[in-house]
Amino acid sequence: VATSREGIVHVWEVETTNNRLSFEAKAGGRGLALSPDGKVLATSGHPFGAENSIWLWSTETGEPLAELEGHKQGVVSLAFADDGKTLASSSDDSTLKFWHLATSQELLSIRNVGTTLDHLRFSPDGQWLVGDVGGFFTQSEEMHLFHAPHRK
């Protein structure tokens, strides 16, 4: 999956290198994640734009599946848990959110993280989430580790 600055998503077949699907999405920001099964794409808008939502898209059809709302500023990083049930998001509003994808509901919000977290990744067992101190204008070697909420 690749996106353009204009918000066009291209889904490529690895085996054939053919562009299987292209569709217009609210993309173009730094937040982009593909579900472990490759069927759902999570995108965020431009970090300096007015949109603070996360959108979930079908990579089979290009149709929108859900909009996740709750951040007050641009979404910086997105990560799916390996089981595909949870999505984590970090924002310039200094929050970290965990979303239950089956219901599109927020599981947990950690406010005042104290920084913007970038490059979110779940541990293979889904118990932990790590992010580095990022943000658009900073570079740091500091990492933050969070215990992920229990999912069913």
N, C-alpha and C. Protein backbone atom coordinates (compact mmCIF):
# COMPACT_ATOMS: atom_id res chain seq x y z
N VAL A 1 0.85 -1.17 0.00
CA VAL A 1 0.00 0.00 0.00
C VAL A 1 0.89 1.23 0.00
N ALA A 2 0.53 2.19 -0.84
CA ALA A 2 1.26 3.45 -0.89
C ALA A 2 0.24 4.58 -1.01
N THR A 3 0.59 5.75 -0.47
CA THR A 3 -0.30 6.90 -0.58
C THR A 3 0.46 8.07 -1.20
N SER A 4 -0.29 8.94 -1.83
CA SER A 4 0.29 10.14 -2.41
C SER A 4 -0.04 11.34 -1.52
N ARG A 5 0.61 12.44 -1.74
CA ARG A 5 0.33 13.66 -0.99
C ARG A 5 -1.09 14.16 -1.23
N GLU A 6 -1.64 13.79 -2.36
CA GLU A 6 -3.01 14.19 -2.71
C GLU A 6 -4.05 13.32 -2.03
N GLY A 7 -3.63 12.29 -1.29
CA GLY A 7 -4.56 11.42 -0.59
C GLY A 7 -5.05 10.24 -1.40
N ILE A 8 -4.36 9.90 -2.48
CA ILE A 8 -4.73 8.73 -3.27
C ILE A 8 -3.98 7.51 -2.72
N VAL A 9 -4.74 6.45 -2.45
CA VAL A 9 -4.16 5.20 -1.95
C VAL A 9 -4.04 4.23 -3.12
N HIS A 10 -2.90 3.58 -3.22
CA HIS A 10 -2.66 2.57 -4.26
C HIS A 10 -2.37 1.24 -3.55
N VAL A 11 -3.11 0.22 -3.92
CA VAL A 11 -2.91 -1.12 -3.36
C VAL A 11 -2.26 -1.96 -4.46
N TRP A 12 -1.07 -2.47 -4.15
CA TRP A 12 -0.28 -3.23 -5.12
C TRP A 12 -0.28 -4.71 -4.77
N GLU A 13 -0.28 -5.56 -5.78
CA GLU A 13 -0.08 -7.00 -5.61
C GLU A 13 1.42 -7.27 -5.62
N VAL A 14 1.93 -7.84 -4.56
CA VAL A 14 3.37 -8.07 -4.46
C VAL A 14 3.84 -9.07 -5.51
N GLU A 15 3.07 -10.15 -5.69
CA GLU A 15 3.51 -11.22 -6.61
C GLU A 15 3.60 -10.73 -8.06
N THR A 16 2.62 -9.92 -8.48
CA THR A 16 2.57 -9.50 -9.88
C THR A 16 3.08 -8.08 -10.10
N THR A 17 3.28 -7.32 -9.04
CA THR A 17 3.65 -5.90 -9.05
C THR A 17 2.61 -5.03 -9.78
N ASN A 18 1.39 -5.53 -9.87
CA ASN A 18 0.30 -4.77 -10.48
C ASN A 18 -0.41 -3.91 -9.46
N ASN A 19 -0.83 -2.72 -9.88
CA ASN A 19 -1.65 -1.85 -9.04
C ASN A 19 -3.07 -2.41 -9.10
N ARG A 20 -3.50 -3.07 -8.01
CA ARG A 20 -4.79 -3.74 -7.96
C ARG A 20 -5.94 -2.77 -7.75
N LEU A 21 -5.70 -1.68 -7.02
CA LEU A 21 -6.78 -0.77 -6.66
C LEU A 21 -6.19 0.59 -6.33
N SER A 22 -6.87 1.64 -6.76
CA SER A 22 -6.54 3.00 -6.36
C SER A 22 -7.82 3.68 -5.94
N PHE A 23 -7.76 4.44 -4.85
CA PHE A 23 -8.94 5.15 -4.39
C PHE A 23 -8.53 6.39 -3.63
N GLU A 24 -9.42 7.38 -3.60
CA GLU A 24 -9.17 8.61 -2.88
C GLU A 24 -9.54 8.41 -1.42
N ALA A 25 -8.62 8.76 -0.55
CA ALA A 25 -8.84 8.58 0.89
C ALA A 25 -8.37 9.82 1.61
N LYS A 26 -8.79 9.97 2.84
CA LYS A 26 -8.31 11.06 3.68
C LYS A 26 -6.96 10.61 4.23
N ALA A 27 -5.96 10.76 3.41
CA ALA A 27 -4.62 10.35 3.78
C ALA A 27 -3.68 11.49 3.45
N GLY A 28 -2.43 11.29 3.68
CA GLY A 28 -1.45 12.30 3.37
C GLY A 28 -0.68 12.72 4.61
N GLY A 29 -1.15 12.32 5.75
CA GLY A 29 -0.44 12.62 6.99
C GLY A 29 0.59 11.55 7.29
N ARG A 30 1.14 11.63 8.47
CA ARG A 30 2.16 10.64 8.84
C ARG A 30 1.54 9.34 9.30
N GLY A 31 0.27 9.37 9.75
CA GLY A 31 -0.37 8.18 10.26
C GLY A 31 -0.86 7.27 9.15
N LEU A 32 -0.28 6.07 9.07
CA LEU A 32 -0.67 5.09 8.07
C LEU A 32 -0.31 3.72 8.63
N ALA A 33 -1.26 2.78 8.61
CA ALA A 33 -0.98 1.43 9.10
C ALA A 33 -1.85 0.44 8.34
N LEU A 34 -1.30 -0.73 8.07
CA LEU A 34 -2.00 -1.81 7.40
C LEU A 34 -2.24 -2.93 8.40
N SER A 35 -3.46 -3.44 8.44
CA SER A 35 -3.79 -4.52 9.38
C SER A 35 -2.95 -5.75 9.06
N PRO A 36 -2.75 -6.64 10.05
CA PRO A 36 -1.93 -7.82 9.82
C PRO A 36 -2.42 -8.71 8.67
N ASP A 37 -3.73 -8.76 8.44
CA ASP A 37 -4.24 -9.57 7.34
C ASP A 37 -4.27 -8.81 6.01
N GLY A 38 -3.90 -7.53 6.03
CA GLY A 38 -3.83 -6.72 4.83
C GLY A 38 -5.17 -6.25 4.30
N LYS A 39 -6.25 -6.45 5.04
CA LYS A 39 -7.58 -6.10 4.55
C LYS A 39 -8.06 -4.72 4.98
N VAL A 40 -7.40 -4.13 5.98
CA VAL A 40 -7.84 -2.82 6.48
C VAL A 40 -6.64 -1.88 6.50
N LEU A 41 -6.87 -0.67 6.00
CA LEU A 41 -5.86 0.38 6.03
C LEU A 41 -6.36 1.48 6.95
N ALA A 42 -5.53 1.92 7.87
CA ALA A 42 -5.85 3.05 8.74
C ALA A 42 -5.03 4.25 8.26
N THR A 43 -5.71 5.40 8.10
CA THR A 43 -5.03 6.61 7.66
C THR A 43 -5.42 7.78 8.55
N SER A 44 -4.57 8.78 8.55
CA SER A 44 -4.90 10.03 9.23
C SER A 44 -4.68 11.17 8.25
N GLY A 45 -5.28 12.30 8.54
CA GLY A 45 -5.14 13.46 7.67
C GLY A 45 -3.78 14.11 7.84
N HIS A 46 -3.58 15.18 7.11
CA HIS A 46 -2.34 15.93 7.17
C HIS A 46 -2.15 16.49 8.58
N PRO A 47 -0.94 16.41 9.15
CA PRO A 47 -0.73 16.85 10.52
C PRO A 47 -1.06 18.32 10.77
N PHE A 48 -1.03 19.15 9.73
CA PHE A 48 -1.35 20.56 9.92
C PHE A 48 -2.76 20.89 9.44
N GLY A 49 -3.51 19.88 9.04
CA GLY A 49 -4.87 20.09 8.55
C GLY A 49 -5.87 20.19 9.69
N ALA A 50 -7.11 20.42 9.31
CA ALA A 50 -8.19 20.57 10.29
C ALA A 50 -8.75 19.23 10.73
N GLU A 51 -8.46 18.16 10.01
CA GLU A 51 -8.99 16.84 10.34
C GLU A 51 -8.13 16.16 11.39
N ASN A 52 -8.77 15.69 12.45
CA ASN A 52 -8.06 15.00 13.52
C ASN A 52 -8.51 13.55 13.66
N SER A 53 -9.25 13.07 12.69
CA SER A 53 -9.81 11.72 12.74
C SER A 53 -8.86 10.69 12.15
N ILE A 54 -9.23 9.44 12.39
CA ILE A 54 -8.58 8.29 11.78
C ILE A 54 -9.65 7.61 10.93
N TRP A 55 -9.27 7.19 9.74
CA TRP A 55 -10.22 6.51 8.87
C TRP A 55 -9.73 5.09 8.62
N LEU A 56 -10.67 4.16 8.61
CA LEU A 56 -10.39 2.77 8.27
C LEU A 56 -11.00 2.49 6.90
N TRP A 57 -10.21 1.84 6.04
CA TRP A 57 -10.59 1.59 4.65
C TRP A 57 -10.43 0.12 4.31
N SER A 58 -11.31 -0.39 3.45
CA SER A 58 -11.16 -1.73 2.91
C SER A 58 -10.13 -1.69 1.79
N THR A 59 -9.10 -2.53 1.88
CA THR A 59 -8.12 -2.60 0.79
C THR A 59 -8.63 -3.48 -0.35
N GLU A 60 -9.76 -4.15 -0.14
CA GLU A 60 -10.38 -4.95 -1.20
C GLU A 60 -11.21 -4.08 -2.14
N THR A 61 -11.94 -3.10 -1.56
CA THR A 61 -12.89 -2.31 -2.34
C THR A 61 -12.59 -0.82 -2.37
N GLY A 62 -11.79 -0.34 -1.42
CA GLY A 62 -11.53 1.09 -1.30
C GLY A 62 -12.63 1.83 -0.57
N GLU A 63 -13.60 1.12 -0.05
CA GLU A 63 -14.71 1.73 0.67
C GLU A 63 -14.31 2.08 2.10
N PRO A 64 -14.83 3.20 2.64
CA PRO A 64 -14.58 3.52 4.04
C PRO A 64 -15.31 2.54 4.95
N LEU A 65 -14.65 2.12 6.02
CA LEU A 65 -15.24 1.19 6.99
C LEU A 65 -15.67 1.90 8.26
N ALA A 66 -14.89 2.90 8.69
CA ALA A 66 -15.20 3.60 9.95
C ALA A 66 -14.37 4.86 10.04
N GLU A 67 -14.85 5.79 10.86
CA GLU A 67 -14.09 6.98 11.23
C GLU A 67 -13.97 6.97 12.74
N LEU A 68 -12.74 7.10 13.23
CA LEU A 68 -12.47 7.12 14.66
C LEU A 68 -12.16 8.55 15.06
N GLU A 69 -12.98 9.10 15.95
CA GLU A 69 -12.83 10.49 16.37
C GLU A 69 -12.49 10.57 17.85
N GLY A 70 -11.67 11.55 18.19
CA GLY A 70 -11.33 11.75 19.59
C GLY A 70 -10.09 12.58 19.83
N HIS A 71 -9.16 12.56 18.89
CA HIS A 71 -7.97 13.38 19.05
C HIS A 71 -8.31 14.85 18.79
N LYS A 72 -7.60 15.74 19.47
CA LYS A 72 -7.83 17.18 19.34
C LYS A 72 -6.88 17.84 18.35
N GLN A 73 -5.79 17.16 18.01
CA GLN A 73 -4.85 17.66 17.01
C GLN A 73 -4.48 16.51 16.08
N GLY A 74 -3.61 16.78 15.12
CA GLY A 74 -3.28 15.80 14.09
C GLY A 74 -2.74 14.50 14.63
N VAL A 75 -3.15 13.40 14.01
CA VAL A 75 -2.68 12.06 14.37
C VAL A 75 -1.33 11.83 13.71
N VAL A 76 -0.37 11.42 14.51
CA VAL A 76 1.02 11.29 14.07
C VAL A 76 1.37 9.86 13.68
N SER A 77 0.93 8.89 14.47
CA SER A 77 1.35 7.51 14.25
C SER A 77 0.20 6.56 14.55
N LEU A 78 0.15 5.46 13.79
CA LEU A 78 -0.87 4.43 13.95
C LEU A 78 -0.19 3.07 13.95
N ALA A 79 -0.75 2.12 14.71
CA ALA A 79 -0.21 0.75 14.72
C ALA A 79 -1.33 -0.23 15.04
N PHE A 80 -1.41 -1.31 14.27
CA PHE A 80 -2.32 -2.41 14.56
C PHE A 80 -1.62 -3.43 15.44
N ALA A 81 -2.36 -3.99 16.40
CA ALA A 81 -1.85 -5.14 17.15
C ALA A 81 -1.82 -6.33 16.20
N ASP A 82 -0.96 -7.31 16.47
CA ASP A 82 -0.81 -8.46 15.58
C ASP A 82 -2.08 -9.27 15.41
N ASP A 83 -3.00 -9.22 16.40
CA ASP A 83 -4.25 -9.97 16.27
C ASP A 83 -5.29 -9.21 15.46
N GLY A 84 -5.00 -7.96 15.09
CA GLY A 84 -5.90 -7.17 14.27
C GLY A 84 -7.11 -6.62 14.98
N LYS A 85 -7.18 -6.78 16.30
CA LYS A 85 -8.35 -6.33 17.06
C LYS A 85 -8.22 -4.93 17.62
N THR A 86 -7.00 -4.44 17.74
CA THR A 86 -6.74 -3.16 18.38
C THR A 86 -5.88 -2.28 17.49
N LEU A 87 -6.20 -0.99 17.48
CA LEU A 87 -5.39 0.01 16.80
C LEU A 87 -4.94 1.02 17.84
N ALA A 88 -3.67 1.39 17.80
CA ALA A 88 -3.15 2.44 18.68
C ALA A 88 -2.91 3.69 17.83
N SER A 89 -3.14 4.86 18.43
CA SER A 89 -2.91 6.12 17.73
C SER A 89 -2.28 7.12 18.68
N SER A 90 -1.36 7.91 18.15
CA SER A 90 -0.77 8.99 18.93
C SER A 90 -0.99 10.29 18.16
N SER A 91 -1.03 11.39 18.92
CA SER A 91 -1.38 12.67 18.33
C SER A 91 -0.51 13.77 18.88
N ASP A 92 -0.46 14.87 18.13
CA ASP A 92 0.22 16.07 18.60
C ASP A 92 -0.47 16.68 19.81
N ASP A 93 -1.66 16.19 20.17
CA ASP A 93 -2.35 16.68 21.37
C ASP A 93 -1.83 16.00 22.64
N SER A 94 -0.74 15.23 22.53
CA SER A 94 -0.09 14.54 23.65
C SER A 94 -0.97 13.44 24.24
N THR A 95 -1.75 12.78 23.38
CA THR A 95 -2.53 11.63 23.84
C THR A 95 -2.15 10.39 23.05
N LEU A 96 -2.35 9.27 23.70
CA LEU A 96 -2.20 7.95 23.11
C LEU A 96 -3.54 7.26 23.29
N LYS A 97 -4.10 6.75 22.21
CA LYS A 97 -5.41 6.10 22.29
C LYS A 97 -5.32 4.68 21.75
N PHE A 98 -6.12 3.80 22.37
CA PHE A 98 -6.28 2.43 21.92
C PHE A 98 -7.73 2.26 21.48
N TRP A 99 -7.94 1.69 20.29
CA TRP A 99 -9.27 1.55 19.71
C TRP A 99 -9.62 0.08 19.52
N HIS A 100 -10.85 -0.30 19.86
CA HIS A 100 -11.37 -1.64 19.60
C HIS A 100 -11.99 -1.62 18.21
N LEU A 101 -11.41 -2.33 17.27
CA LEU A 101 -11.81 -2.20 15.88
C LEU A 101 -13.16 -2.83 15.55
N ALA A 102 -13.55 -3.87 16.28
CA ALA A 102 -14.85 -4.50 15.99
C ALA A 102 -16.01 -3.54 16.25
N THR A 103 -15.82 -2.62 17.20
CA THR A 103 -16.89 -1.67 17.55
C THR A 103 -16.54 -0.23 17.19
N SER A 104 -15.33 0.01 16.74
CA SER A 104 -14.84 1.37 16.44
C SER A 104 -14.89 2.28 17.67
N GLN A 105 -14.78 1.70 18.84
CA GLN A 105 -14.85 2.45 20.09
C GLN A 105 -13.47 2.60 20.71
N GLU A 106 -13.30 3.69 21.42
CA GLU A 106 -12.05 3.93 22.14
C GLU A 106 -12.01 3.02 23.37
N LEU A 107 -10.91 2.27 23.50
CA LEU A 107 -10.71 1.40 24.67
C LEU A 107 -10.09 2.16 25.83
N LEU A 108 -9.11 2.99 25.51
CA LEU A 108 -8.34 3.66 26.54
C LEU A 108 -7.69 4.89 25.94
N SER A 109 -7.67 5.97 26.71
CA SER A 109 -6.97 7.18 26.30
C SER A 109 -6.00 7.56 27.40
N ILE A 110 -4.75 7.71 27.04
CA ILE A 110 -3.73 8.16 27.99
C ILE A 110 -3.44 9.60 27.62
N ARG A 111 -3.84 10.49 28.49
CA ARG A 111 -3.69 11.93 28.23
C ARG A 111 -2.39 12.45 28.83
N ASN A 112 -1.93 13.54 28.27
CA ASN A 112 -0.73 14.21 28.77
C ASN A 112 0.47 13.27 28.83
N VAL A 113 0.69 12.58 27.73
CA VAL A 113 1.86 11.72 27.63
C VAL A 113 3.12 12.56 27.80
N GLY A 114 3.00 13.85 27.52
CA GLY A 114 4.11 14.77 27.73
C GLY A 114 4.89 15.06 26.47
N THR A 115 4.53 14.36 25.41
CA THR A 115 5.27 14.52 24.16
C THR A 115 4.43 13.94 23.03
N THR A 116 4.92 14.07 21.83
CA THR A 116 4.32 13.39 20.69
C THR A 116 5.07 12.08 20.48
N LEU A 117 4.34 10.98 20.38
CA LEU A 117 4.96 9.68 20.16
C LEU A 117 4.88 9.32 18.69
N ASP A 118 5.98 8.83 18.16
CA ASP A 118 6.06 8.46 16.76
C ASP A 118 6.44 6.99 16.66
N HIS A 119 6.29 6.42 15.48
CA HIS A 119 6.71 5.05 15.20
C HIS A 119 6.16 4.03 16.20
N LEU A 120 4.87 4.07 16.44
CA LEU A 120 4.23 3.14 17.37
C LEU A 120 4.36 1.71 16.85
N ARG A 121 4.63 0.77 17.77
CA ARG A 121 4.70 -0.65 17.44
C ARG A 121 4.26 -1.46 18.65
N PHE A 122 3.44 -2.50 18.38
CA PHE A 122 3.06 -3.45 19.43
C PHE A 122 4.10 -4.55 19.52
N SER A 123 4.26 -5.09 20.73
CA SER A 123 5.08 -6.28 20.89
C SER A 123 4.36 -7.45 20.21
N PRO A 124 5.08 -8.51 19.84
CA PRO A 124 4.43 -9.63 19.15
C PRO A 124 3.27 -10.26 19.93
N ASP A 125 3.34 -10.23 21.26
CA ASP A 125 2.24 -10.80 22.05
C ASP A 125 1.11 -9.81 22.31
N GLY A 126 1.25 -8.57 21.83
CA GLY A 126 0.20 -7.57 21.97
C GLY A 126 0.08 -6.97 23.36
N GLN A 127 0.97 -7.31 24.26
CA GLN A 127 0.88 -6.83 25.64
C GLN A 127 1.48 -5.44 25.82
N TRP A 128 2.37 -5.04 24.93
CA TRP A 128 3.08 -3.78 25.10
C TRP A 128 3.04 -2.96 23.82
N LEU A 129 3.13 -1.66 23.99
CA LEU A 129 3.22 -0.73 22.87
C LEU A 129 4.41 0.17 23.13
N VAL A 130 5.22 0.37 22.12
CA VAL A 130 6.38 1.25 22.25
C VAL A 130 6.26 2.37 21.21
N GLY A 131 6.72 3.53 21.59
CA GLY A 131 6.77 4.67 20.68
C GLY A 131 7.98 5.51 21.03
N ASP A 132 8.57 6.14 20.02
CA ASP A 132 9.69 7.01 20.32
C ASP A 132 9.20 8.46 20.37
N VAL A 133 9.96 9.25 21.10
CA VAL A 133 9.63 10.67 21.21
C VAL A 133 9.92 11.28 19.86
N GLY A 134 8.87 11.78 19.25
CA GLY A 134 9.02 12.28 17.90
C GLY A 134 8.47 13.67 17.77
N GLY A 135 7.53 13.77 16.93
CA GLY A 135 7.00 15.08 16.61
C GLY A 135 7.64 15.58 15.35
N PHE A 136 7.02 16.51 14.75
CA PHE A 136 7.43 16.98 13.43
C PHE A 136 8.78 17.69 13.47
N PHE A 137 9.10 18.35 14.57
CA PHE A 137 10.31 19.17 14.60
C PHE A 137 11.36 18.67 15.59
N THR A 138 11.18 17.50 16.16
CA THR A 138 12.13 17.02 17.15
C THR A 138 12.75 15.71 16.74
N GLN A 139 13.94 15.46 17.24
CA GLN A 139 14.60 14.17 17.08
C GLN A 139 15.14 13.79 18.44
N SER A 140 14.85 12.57 18.87
CA SER A 140 15.25 12.13 20.19
C SER A 140 15.52 10.64 20.16
N GLU A 141 16.26 10.18 21.13
CA GLU A 141 16.49 8.75 21.29
C GLU A 141 15.68 8.19 22.44
N GLU A 142 14.72 8.95 22.94
CA GLU A 142 13.90 8.54 24.07
C GLU A 142 12.73 7.67 23.59
N MET A 143 12.48 6.58 24.31
CA MET A 143 11.38 5.67 23.99
C MET A 143 10.41 5.64 25.17
N HIS A 144 9.13 5.41 24.87
CA HIS A 144 8.12 5.23 25.90
C HIS A 144 7.48 3.86 25.70
N LEU A 145 7.25 3.15 26.80
CA LEU A 145 6.67 1.82 26.78
C LEU A 145 5.38 1.83 27.58
N PHE A 146 4.31 1.27 27.01
CA PHE A 146 3.00 1.26 27.65
C PHE A 146 2.45 -0.16 27.65
N HIS A 147 1.80 -0.53 28.75
CA HIS A 147 1.09 -1.81 28.79
C HIS A 147 -0.22 -1.63 28.04
N ALA A 148 -0.45 -2.44 27.02
CA ALA A 148 -1.64 -2.32 26.18
C ALA A 148 -2.86 -2.85 26.93
N PRO A 149 -4.04 -2.27 26.72
CA PRO A 149 -5.24 -2.76 27.38
C PRO A 149 -5.60 -4.15 26.91
N HIS A 150 -6.23 -4.91 27.79
CA HIS A 150 -6.66 -6.28 27.46
C HIS A 150 -7.77 -6.23 26.42
N ARG A 151 -7.66 -7.08 25.41
CA ARG A 151 -8.65 -7.12 24.33
C ARG A 151 -9.31 -8.48 24.29
N LYS A 152 -10.57 -8.50 23.86
CA LYS A 152 -11.26 -9.78 23.66
C LYS A 152 -11.80 -9.86 22.27
